Amino acid sequence: MKENLTLFVGKTSEGESTVMPQSRGWIRDQASELGCAPDDHGVVLFLNAPAIGVVSAARNNFILNYITNILTEWPTNSVCFIVHPNRASQQEGRRGVFGICRICD
């Protein structure tokens, strides 16, 4: 399991000081093993928000900081896909989905 899956564990309140540096270092190490030039690789992040559960303010803050740091470190060859939870019964969620569709067009 250790060969196929890398886990970074930490408390939500200490995520920026424990999880973020470990995972960013791991990404840098993996990228350096694959090639010497920054353009030799791509960084793809997937955020499955329904799997997170209730997104508290602390989790939301960590998620935004983490995504921003990763996309800033590799600005030309990184992308993040965010899967939002299904909130079809909420009116705000419906308006948000229409807003995302307009941005994609």
C-alpha atoms as a PDB file:
ATOM      1  CA  MET A   1       0.000   0.000   0.000  1.00  0.00           C
ATOM      2  CA  LYS A   2       2.873   2.351   0.730  1.00  0.00           C
ATOM      3  CA  GLU A   3       4.119   2.007  -2.854  1.00  0.00           C
ATOM      4  CA  ASN A   4       0.761   2.997  -4.381  1.00  0.00           C
ATOM      5  CA  LEU A   5      -0.678   5.498  -1.915  1.00  0.00           C
ATOM      6  CA  THR A   6       0.952   8.339  -0.026  1.00  0.00           C
ATOM      7  CA  LEU A   7      -0.936   9.778   2.940  1.00  0.00           C
ATOM      8  CA  PHE A   8      -0.326  13.099   4.655  1.00  0.00           C
ATOM      9  CA  VAL A   9      -2.039  13.261   8.016  1.00  0.00           C
ATOM     10  CA  GLY A  10      -2.536  16.190  10.364  1.00  0.00           C
ATOM     11  CA  LYS A  11      -5.064  18.137  12.365  1.00  0.00           C
ATOM     12  CA  THR A  12      -7.178  20.719  10.584  1.00  0.00           C
ATOM     13  CA  SER A  13      -5.847  23.497  12.780  1.00  0.00           C
ATOM     14  CA  GLU A  14      -2.231  22.522  12.018  1.00  0.00           C
ATOM     15  CA  GLY A  15      -2.679  21.610   8.358  1.00  0.00           C
ATOM     16  CA  GLU A  16      -0.727  24.516   6.938  1.00  0.00           C
ATOM     17  CA  SER A  17       2.289  23.766   9.126  1.00  0.00           C
ATOM     18  CA  THR A  18       2.289  19.952   8.837  1.00  0.00           C
ATOM     19  CA  VAL A  19       0.370  18.625   5.840  1.00  0.00           C
ATOM     20  CA  MET A  20       1.067  21.376   3.325  1.00  0.00           C
ATOM     21  CA  PRO A  21       4.900  21.351   3.541  1.00  0.00           C
ATOM     22  CA  GLN A  22       5.050  17.533   3.494  1.00  0.00           C
ATOM     23  CA  SER A  23       2.786  17.168   0.476  1.00  0.00           C
ATOM     24  CA  ARG A  24       4.367  20.042  -1.451  1.00  0.00           C
ATOM     25  CA  GLY A  25       7.794  18.501  -0.830  1.00  0.00           C
ATOM     26  CA  TRP A  26       6.510  15.145  -2.046  1.00  0.00           C
ATOM     27  CA  ILE A  27       5.135  16.755  -5.223  1.00  0.00           C
ATOM     28  CA  ARG A  28       8.482  18.505  -5.839  1.00  0.00           C
ATOM     29  CA  ASP A  29      10.363  15.230  -5.310  1.00  0.00           C
ATOM     30  CA  GLN A  30       8.076  13.362  -7.706  1.00  0.00           C
ATOM     31  CA  ALA A  31       8.406  16.104 -10.318  1.00  0.00           C
ATOM     32  CA  SER A  32      12.208  16.126 -10.044  1.00  0.00           C
ATOM     33  CA  GLU A  33      12.331  12.340 -10.486  1.00  0.00           C
ATOM     34  CA  LEU A  34      10.268  12.565 -13.673  1.00  0.00           C
ATOM     35  CA  GLY A  35      12.269  15.278 -15.409  1.00  0.00           C
ATOM     36  CA  CYS A  36      14.709  18.123 -14.992  1.00  0.00           C
ATOM     37  CA  ALA A  37      12.752  20.953 -16.607  1.00  0.00           C
ATOM     38  CA  PRO A  38       9.551  22.297 -15.038  1.00  0.00           C
ATOM     39  CA  ASP A  39       7.731  21.833 -18.354  1.00  0.00           C
ATOM     40  CA  ASP A  40       8.405  18.068 -18.348  1.00  0.00           C
ATOM     41  CA  HIS A  41       5.508  17.332 -16.008  1.00  0.00           C
ATOM     42  CA  GLY A  42       2.038  18.454 -15.039  1.00  0.00           C
ATOM     43  CA  VAL A  43       0.414  18.768 -11.635  1.00  0.00           C
ATOM     44  CA  VAL A  44      -3.257  17.780 -11.471  1.00  0.00           C
ATOM     45  CA  LEU A  45      -5.211  18.256  -8.240  1.00  0.00           C
ATOM     46  CA  PHE A  46      -8.614  16.696  -7.601  1.00  0.00           C
ATOM     47  CA  LEU A  47     -10.782  17.958  -4.764  1.00  0.00           C
ATOM     48  CA  ASN A  48     -13.743  15.684  -4.110  1.00  0.00           C
ATOM     49  CA  ALA A  49     -15.779  17.961  -1.831  1.00  0.00           C
ATOM     50  CA  PRO A  50     -18.586  15.429  -1.129  1.00  0.00           C
ATOM     51  CA  ALA A  51     -15.972  13.089   0.374  1.00  0.00           C
ATOM     52  CA  ILE A  52     -14.787  15.769   2.809  1.00  0.00           C
ATOM     53  CA  GLY A  53     -18.115  16.064   4.575  1.00  0.00           C
ATOM     54  CA  VAL A  54     -19.089  19.326   6.201  1.00  0.00           C
ATOM     55  CA  VAL A  55     -16.599  21.948   5.090  1.00  0.00           C
ATOM     56  CA  SER A  56     -15.893  24.137   8.095  1.00  0.00           C
ATOM     57  CA  ALA A  57     -14.257  27.541   7.856  1.00  0.00           C
ATOM     58  CA  ALA A  58     -10.900  26.052   8.888  1.00  0.00           C
ATOM     59  CA  ARG A  59     -11.111  23.321   6.229  1.00  0.00           C
ATOM     60  CA  ASN A  60     -12.210  25.810   3.589  1.00  0.00           C
ATOM     61  CA  ASN A  61      -9.286  28.088   4.486  1.00  0.00           C
ATOM     62  CA  PHE A  62      -6.803  25.195   4.256  1.00  0.00           C
ATOM     63  CA  ILE A  63      -8.241  23.996   0.937  1.00  0.00           C
ATOM     64  CA  LEU A  64      -8.039  27.443  -0.645  1.00  0.00           C
ATOM     65  CA  ASN A  65      -4.507  28.063   0.634  1.00  0.00           C
ATOM     66  CA  TYR A  66      -3.317  24.639  -0.497  1.00  0.00           C
ATOM     67  CA  ILE A  67      -4.756  24.929  -3.992  1.00  0.00           C
ATOM     68  CA  THR A  68      -3.417  28.472  -4.349  1.00  0.00           C
ATOM     69  CA  ASN A  69       0.083  27.427  -3.250  1.00  0.00           C
ATOM     70  CA  ILE A  70       0.242  24.465  -5.610  1.00  0.00           C
ATOM     71  CA  LEU A  71      -1.090  26.400  -8.601  1.00  0.00           C
ATOM     72  CA  THR A  72       1.304  29.275  -7.850  1.00  0.00           C
ATOM     73  CA  GLU A  73       4.329  26.986  -7.617  1.00  0.00           C
ATOM     74  CA  TRP A  74       3.597  25.463 -11.050  1.00  0.00           C
ATOM     75  CA  PRO A  75       1.695  28.224 -12.870  1.00  0.00           C
ATOM     76  CA  THR A  76       2.090  26.959 -16.435  1.00  0.00           C
ATOM     77  CA  ASN A  77       1.450  23.243 -15.991  1.00  0.00           C
ATOM     78  CA  SER A  78      -0.969  22.743 -13.100  1.00  0.00           C
ATOM     79  CA  VAL A  79      -4.726  22.488 -12.850  1.00  0.00           C
ATOM     80  CA  CYS A  80      -7.240  21.767 -10.091  1.00  0.00           C
ATOM     81  CA  PHE A  81     -10.586  20.032 -10.590  1.00  0.00           C
ATOM     82  CA  ILE A  82     -13.113  20.725  -7.843  1.00  0.00           C
ATOM     83  CA  VAL A  83     -16.142  18.449  -7.523  1.00  0.00           C
ATOM     84  CA  HIS A  84     -18.787  20.330  -5.585  1.00  0.00           C
ATOM     85  CA  PRO A  85     -21.407  18.558  -3.465  1.00  0.00           C
ATOM     86  CA  ASN A  86     -24.882  18.169  -4.924  1.00  0.00           C
ATOM     87  CA  ARG A  87     -27.061  20.811  -3.369  1.00  0.00           C
ATOM     88  CA  ALA A  88     -29.988  20.605  -5.743  1.00  0.00           C
ATOM     89  CA  SER A  89     -32.514  21.376  -3.014  1.00  0.00           C
ATOM     90  CA  GLN A  90     -30.840  24.681  -2.135  1.00  0.00           C
ATOM     91  CA  GLN A  91     -31.632  27.714  -4.224  1.00  0.00           C
ATOM     92  CA  GLU A  92     -28.137  29.186  -3.738  1.00  0.00           C
ATOM     93  CA  GLY A  93     -26.586  25.984  -5.066  1.00  0.00           C
ATOM     94  CA  ARG A  94     -28.663  26.158  -8.215  1.00  0.00           C
ATOM     95  CA  ARG A  95     -27.550  29.688  -8.937  1.00  0.00           C
ATOM     96  CA  GLY A  96     -23.933  28.657  -8.300  1.00  0.00           C
ATOM     97  CA  VAL A  97     -24.175  25.825 -10.829  1.00  0.00           C
ATOM     98  CA  PHE A  98     -25.555  28.184 -13.469  1.00  0.00           C
ATOM     99  CA  GLY A  99     -22.686  30.595 -12.731  1.00  0.00           C
ATOM    100  CA  ILE A 100     -20.125  27.840 -13.252  1.00  0.00           C
ATOM    101  CA  CYS A 101     -21.755  26.838 -16.547  1.00  0.00           C
ATOM    102  CA  ARG A 102     -21.565  30.412 -17.782  1.00  0.00           C
ATOM    103  CA  ILE A 103     -17.863  30.573 -16.905  1.00  0.00           C
ATOM    104  CA  CYS A 104     -17.164  27.334 -18.793  1.00  0.00           C
ATOM    105  CA  ASP A 105     -18.859  28.611 -21.942  1.00  0.00           C
END
